[in-house]
Amino acid sequence: MHGDGCGPACQVYDANADLGIEMYMYVQAWMDILTDPKWGDLFKIKEGGQFIGLSFWVWTYDMTYPPMKWFNNVFLPPTPSTKTLQILKTGLPKLEGK
């Protein structure tokens, strides 16, 4: 997001800068944390367990309704990449409680 509606964040960070960071990298880091053996069963999804599940973000072009085009708020990627889906396909079964 950029423009008048962006606020202080845009003054500190160039939202248009290409830092080479892709969505799959965030998803991989998240999955690495959730499946790290040091947590034991903390993030396992099981009946009677403490952890009740995950909350996923949505992949879409516009994240608000109605779309606020005057802020030019475009959120990318609008669809998950093959790498991202593969990480989820591999990692999510590891969270199944026994």
N, C-alpha and C. Protein backbone atom coordinates (compact mmCIF):
# COMPACT_ATOMS: atom_id res chain seq x y z
N MET A 1 0.84 -1.17 0.00
CA MET A 1 0.00 0.00 0.00
C MET A 1 0.88 1.23 0.00
N HIS A 2 0.46 2.26 -0.69
CA HIS A 2 1.18 3.51 -0.67
C HIS A 2 0.22 4.65 -0.97
N GLY A 3 0.67 5.86 -0.78
CA GLY A 3 -0.19 7.02 -1.00
C GLY A 3 -0.56 7.69 0.31
N ASP A 4 -1.45 8.64 0.23
CA ASP A 4 -1.84 9.43 1.40
C ASP A 4 -2.42 8.57 2.53
N GLY A 5 -3.09 7.48 2.19
CA GLY A 5 -3.74 6.65 3.20
C GLY A 5 -2.81 5.69 3.91
N CYS A 6 -1.58 5.61 3.49
CA CYS A 6 -0.66 4.61 4.03
C CYS A 6 -0.22 4.93 5.45
N GLY A 7 0.00 6.17 5.77
CA GLY A 7 0.39 6.54 7.12
C GLY A 7 1.88 6.41 7.37
N PRO A 8 2.28 6.40 8.65
CA PRO A 8 3.69 6.44 9.04
C PRO A 8 4.52 5.27 8.51
N ALA A 9 3.89 4.11 8.32
CA ALA A 9 4.66 2.95 7.86
C ALA A 9 5.34 3.23 6.52
N CYS A 10 4.68 3.97 5.67
CA CYS A 10 5.25 4.25 4.36
C CYS A 10 6.41 5.24 4.43
N GLN A 11 6.50 5.97 5.50
CA GLN A 11 7.60 6.92 5.65
C GLN A 11 8.88 6.19 6.08
N VAL A 12 8.73 5.04 6.69
CA VAL A 12 9.87 4.29 7.19
C VAL A 12 10.27 3.17 6.21
N TYR A 13 9.31 2.62 5.53
CA TYR A 13 9.53 1.46 4.69
C TYR A 13 9.01 1.73 3.29
N ASP A 14 9.80 1.43 2.30
CA ASP A 14 9.38 1.59 0.92
C ASP A 14 8.61 0.34 0.51
N ALA A 15 7.31 0.44 0.47
CA ALA A 15 6.46 -0.70 0.16
C ALA A 15 6.68 -1.23 -1.25
N ASN A 16 7.28 -0.44 -2.09
CA ASN A 16 7.52 -0.87 -3.47
C ASN A 16 8.89 -1.50 -3.65
N ALA A 17 9.70 -1.52 -2.60
CA ALA A 17 11.04 -2.11 -2.69
C ALA A 17 10.94 -3.62 -2.85
N ASP A 18 11.73 -4.17 -3.74
CA ASP A 18 11.76 -5.62 -3.92
C ASP A 18 12.86 -6.17 -3.04
N LEU A 19 12.47 -6.78 -1.93
CA LEU A 19 13.43 -7.32 -0.98
C LEU A 19 13.76 -8.78 -1.27
N GLY A 20 13.11 -9.34 -2.29
CA GLY A 20 13.35 -10.73 -2.64
C GLY A 20 12.66 -11.72 -1.73
N ILE A 21 11.77 -11.24 -0.87
CA ILE A 21 11.04 -12.11 0.05
C ILE A 21 9.73 -12.52 -0.62
N GLU A 22 9.49 -13.82 -0.64
CA GLU A 22 8.27 -14.35 -1.26
C GLU A 22 7.41 -15.03 -0.20
N MET A 23 6.12 -15.16 -0.49
CA MET A 23 5.16 -15.71 0.47
C MET A 23 5.58 -17.08 0.98
N TYR A 24 6.11 -17.92 0.12
CA TYR A 24 6.47 -19.26 0.57
C TYR A 24 7.51 -19.21 1.69
N MET A 25 8.34 -18.18 1.70
CA MET A 25 9.35 -18.05 2.75
C MET A 25 8.70 -17.79 4.11
N TYR A 26 7.67 -16.97 4.14
CA TYR A 26 6.93 -16.73 5.38
C TYR A 26 6.23 -18.02 5.83
N VAL A 27 5.60 -18.71 4.89
CA VAL A 27 4.88 -19.93 5.21
C VAL A 27 5.84 -21.00 5.73
N GLN A 28 7.02 -21.11 5.12
CA GLN A 28 8.00 -22.10 5.57
C GLN A 28 8.48 -21.78 6.99
N ALA A 29 8.77 -20.52 7.27
CA ALA A 29 9.21 -20.13 8.61
C ALA A 29 8.12 -20.44 9.64
N TRP A 30 6.89 -20.14 9.30
CA TRP A 30 5.74 -20.40 10.18
C TRP A 30 5.60 -21.90 10.45
N MET A 31 5.69 -22.69 9.38
CA MET A 31 5.55 -24.14 9.52
C MET A 31 6.71 -24.72 10.31
N ASP A 32 7.93 -24.20 10.11
CA ASP A 32 9.10 -24.66 10.87
C ASP A 32 8.90 -24.46 12.36
N ILE A 33 8.31 -23.33 12.73
CA ILE A 33 8.06 -23.05 14.15
C ILE A 33 7.01 -24.01 14.70
N LEU A 34 5.91 -24.17 13.98
CA LEU A 34 4.82 -25.03 14.47
C LEU A 34 5.22 -26.49 14.58
N THR A 35 6.13 -26.95 13.73
CA THR A 35 6.49 -28.37 13.72
C THR A 35 7.82 -28.65 14.42
N ASP A 36 8.41 -27.66 15.05
CA ASP A 36 9.68 -27.86 15.75
C ASP A 36 9.45 -28.82 16.92
N PRO A 37 10.24 -29.90 16.98
CA PRO A 37 10.06 -30.89 18.05
C PRO A 37 10.17 -30.32 19.46
N LYS A 38 10.83 -29.19 19.63
CA LYS A 38 10.98 -28.64 20.99
C LYS A 38 9.64 -28.25 21.61
N TRP A 39 8.61 -28.09 20.80
CA TRP A 39 7.28 -27.74 21.33
C TRP A 39 6.48 -28.96 21.73
N GLY A 40 6.97 -30.15 21.41
CA GLY A 40 6.23 -31.36 21.76
C GLY A 40 4.87 -31.36 21.07
N ASP A 41 3.82 -31.58 21.87
CA ASP A 41 2.44 -31.64 21.34
C ASP A 41 1.71 -30.30 21.40
N LEU A 42 2.41 -29.23 21.75
CA LEU A 42 1.76 -27.94 21.96
C LEU A 42 0.92 -27.51 20.77
N PHE A 43 1.40 -27.71 19.55
CA PHE A 43 0.67 -27.28 18.36
C PHE A 43 -0.01 -28.43 17.62
N LYS A 44 -0.16 -29.55 18.28
CA LYS A 44 -0.87 -30.68 17.69
C LYS A 44 -2.37 -30.45 17.84
N ILE A 45 -3.08 -30.75 16.79
CA ILE A 45 -4.53 -30.60 16.82
C ILE A 45 -5.13 -31.95 17.18
N LYS A 46 -5.69 -32.03 18.39
CA LYS A 46 -6.23 -33.30 18.85
C LYS A 46 -7.39 -33.05 19.81
N GLU A 47 -8.23 -34.04 19.93
CA GLU A 47 -9.38 -33.97 20.81
C GLU A 47 -8.92 -33.76 22.25
N GLY A 48 -9.46 -32.76 22.90
CA GLY A 48 -9.11 -32.48 24.28
C GLY A 48 -7.79 -31.75 24.45
N GLY A 49 -7.17 -31.39 23.34
CA GLY A 49 -5.89 -30.70 23.41
C GLY A 49 -6.06 -29.21 23.66
N GLN A 50 -4.98 -28.58 24.01
CA GLN A 50 -4.99 -27.15 24.29
C GLN A 50 -5.05 -26.33 23.00
N PHE A 51 -4.37 -26.79 21.97
CA PHE A 51 -4.30 -26.06 20.71
C PHE A 51 -5.53 -26.36 19.89
N ILE A 52 -6.32 -25.33 19.56
CA ILE A 52 -7.59 -25.58 18.88
C ILE A 52 -7.54 -25.39 17.37
N GLY A 53 -6.41 -24.99 16.83
CA GLY A 53 -6.33 -24.91 15.39
C GLY A 53 -5.56 -23.71 14.88
N LEU A 54 -5.60 -23.57 13.58
CA LEU A 54 -4.86 -22.53 12.89
C LEU A 54 -5.80 -21.52 12.26
N SER A 55 -5.31 -20.34 12.06
CA SER A 55 -6.06 -19.31 11.35
C SER A 55 -5.24 -18.92 10.13
N PHE A 56 -5.81 -19.11 8.97
CA PHE A 56 -5.12 -18.78 7.72
C PHE A 56 -5.57 -17.43 7.20
N TRP A 57 -4.67 -16.74 6.54
CA TRP A 57 -5.03 -15.53 5.83
C TRP A 57 -5.65 -15.93 4.52
N VAL A 58 -6.13 -14.98 3.81
CA VAL A 58 -6.78 -15.27 2.53
C VAL A 58 -5.90 -14.74 1.40
N TRP A 59 -5.86 -15.47 0.33
CA TRP A 59 -5.16 -14.98 -0.87
C TRP A 59 -6.20 -14.32 -1.75
N THR A 60 -6.08 -13.03 -1.90
CA THR A 60 -7.02 -12.30 -2.74
C THR A 60 -6.39 -10.98 -3.13
N TYR A 61 -6.88 -10.42 -4.18
CA TYR A 61 -6.35 -9.16 -4.69
C TYR A 61 -6.74 -8.00 -3.78
N ASP A 62 -8.00 -7.96 -3.37
CA ASP A 62 -8.51 -6.89 -2.49
C ASP A 62 -8.81 -7.49 -1.12
N MET A 63 -8.24 -6.91 -0.08
CA MET A 63 -8.42 -7.42 1.27
C MET A 63 -9.52 -6.68 2.04
N THR A 64 -10.15 -5.74 1.43
CA THR A 64 -11.20 -4.99 2.11
C THR A 64 -12.44 -4.93 1.23
N TYR A 65 -13.58 -4.78 1.87
CA TYR A 65 -14.80 -4.58 1.11
C TYR A 65 -15.55 -3.41 1.71
N PRO A 66 -15.94 -2.45 0.93
CA PRO A 66 -15.65 -2.37 -0.51
C PRO A 66 -14.18 -2.04 -0.73
N PRO A 67 -13.63 -2.42 -1.88
CA PRO A 67 -12.22 -2.14 -2.15
C PRO A 67 -11.93 -0.65 -2.04
N MET A 68 -10.84 -0.32 -1.39
CA MET A 68 -10.47 1.08 -1.21
C MET A 68 -9.43 1.46 -2.26
N LYS A 69 -9.86 1.60 -3.48
CA LYS A 69 -8.94 1.88 -4.59
C LYS A 69 -8.26 3.23 -4.44
N TRP A 70 -8.85 4.14 -3.67
CA TRP A 70 -8.21 5.44 -3.50
C TRP A 70 -6.92 5.32 -2.70
N PHE A 71 -6.75 4.22 -1.95
CA PHE A 71 -5.50 3.96 -1.24
C PHE A 71 -4.56 3.10 -2.07
N ASN A 72 -5.04 2.62 -3.19
CA ASN A 72 -4.26 1.72 -4.04
C ASN A 72 -3.77 0.53 -3.24
N ASN A 73 -4.68 -0.07 -2.48
CA ASN A 73 -4.30 -1.18 -1.61
C ASN A 73 -4.38 -2.51 -2.36
N VAL A 74 -3.30 -2.88 -2.97
CA VAL A 74 -3.21 -4.12 -3.70
C VAL A 74 -2.39 -5.10 -2.88
N PHE A 75 -2.92 -6.27 -2.64
CA PHE A 75 -2.24 -7.28 -1.85
C PHE A 75 -1.87 -8.44 -2.76
N LEU A 76 -0.60 -8.76 -2.78
CA LEU A 76 -0.13 -9.81 -3.66
C LEU A 76 0.66 -10.83 -2.84
N PRO A 77 0.69 -12.06 -3.18
CA PRO A 77 0.11 -12.65 -4.37
C PRO A 77 -1.38 -12.93 -4.18
N PRO A 78 -2.17 -12.84 -5.24
CA PRO A 78 -3.60 -13.11 -5.13
C PRO A 78 -3.92 -14.60 -5.05
N THR A 79 -2.96 -15.45 -5.36
CA THR A 79 -3.13 -16.90 -5.25
C THR A 79 -1.83 -17.48 -4.68
N PRO A 80 -1.91 -18.57 -3.93
CA PRO A 80 -0.70 -19.16 -3.38
C PRO A 80 0.14 -19.81 -4.47
N SER A 81 1.44 -19.75 -4.32
CA SER A 81 2.33 -20.37 -5.29
C SER A 81 2.36 -21.88 -5.08
N THR A 82 2.90 -22.58 -6.04
CA THR A 82 3.07 -24.03 -5.93
C THR A 82 3.96 -24.36 -4.74
N LYS A 83 5.02 -23.58 -4.52
CA LYS A 83 5.91 -23.80 -3.38
C LYS A 83 5.16 -23.67 -2.06
N THR A 84 4.32 -22.63 -1.97
CA THR A 84 3.55 -22.41 -0.75
C THR A 84 2.60 -23.57 -0.48
N LEU A 85 1.89 -24.01 -1.51
CA LEU A 85 0.96 -25.12 -1.34
C LEU A 85 1.68 -26.41 -0.96
N GLN A 86 2.87 -26.63 -1.51
CA GLN A 86 3.64 -27.83 -1.18
C GLN A 86 4.08 -27.81 0.28
N ILE A 87 4.49 -26.64 0.76
CA ILE A 87 4.88 -26.51 2.17
C ILE A 87 3.70 -26.86 3.07
N LEU A 88 2.52 -26.35 2.75
CA LEU A 88 1.33 -26.64 3.54
C LEU A 88 0.95 -28.12 3.45
N LYS A 89 1.04 -28.67 2.25
CA LYS A 89 0.70 -30.08 2.04
C LYS A 89 1.61 -31.00 2.85
N THR A 90 2.87 -30.64 2.95
CA THR A 90 3.85 -31.44 3.69
C THR A 90 3.76 -31.19 5.19
N GLY A 91 3.58 -29.93 5.59
CA GLY A 91 3.63 -29.57 6.99
C GLY A 91 2.37 -29.79 7.80
N LEU A 92 1.21 -29.55 7.21
CA LEU A 92 -0.03 -29.65 7.99
C LEU A 92 -0.29 -31.04 8.57
N PRO A 93 -0.02 -32.11 7.83
CA PRO A 93 -0.23 -33.44 8.45
C PRO A 93 0.64 -33.67 9.70
N LYS A 94 1.74 -32.97 9.83
CA LYS A 94 2.60 -33.11 11.00
C LYS A 94 1.92 -32.57 12.26
N LEU A 95 0.87 -31.79 12.08
CA LEU A 95 0.16 -31.20 13.23
C LEU A 95 -0.99 -32.08 13.71
N GLU A 96 -1.20 -33.20 13.04
CA GLU A 96 -2.28 -34.10 13.44
C GLU A 96 -1.93 -34.79 14.74
N GLY A 97 -2.81 -34.65 15.71
CA GLY A 97 -2.59 -35.29 17.02
C GLY A 97 -2.83 -36.78 16.96
N LYS A 98 -2.19 -37.46 17.82
CA LYS A 98 -2.34 -38.94 17.87
C LYS A 98 -3.33 -39.31 18.94
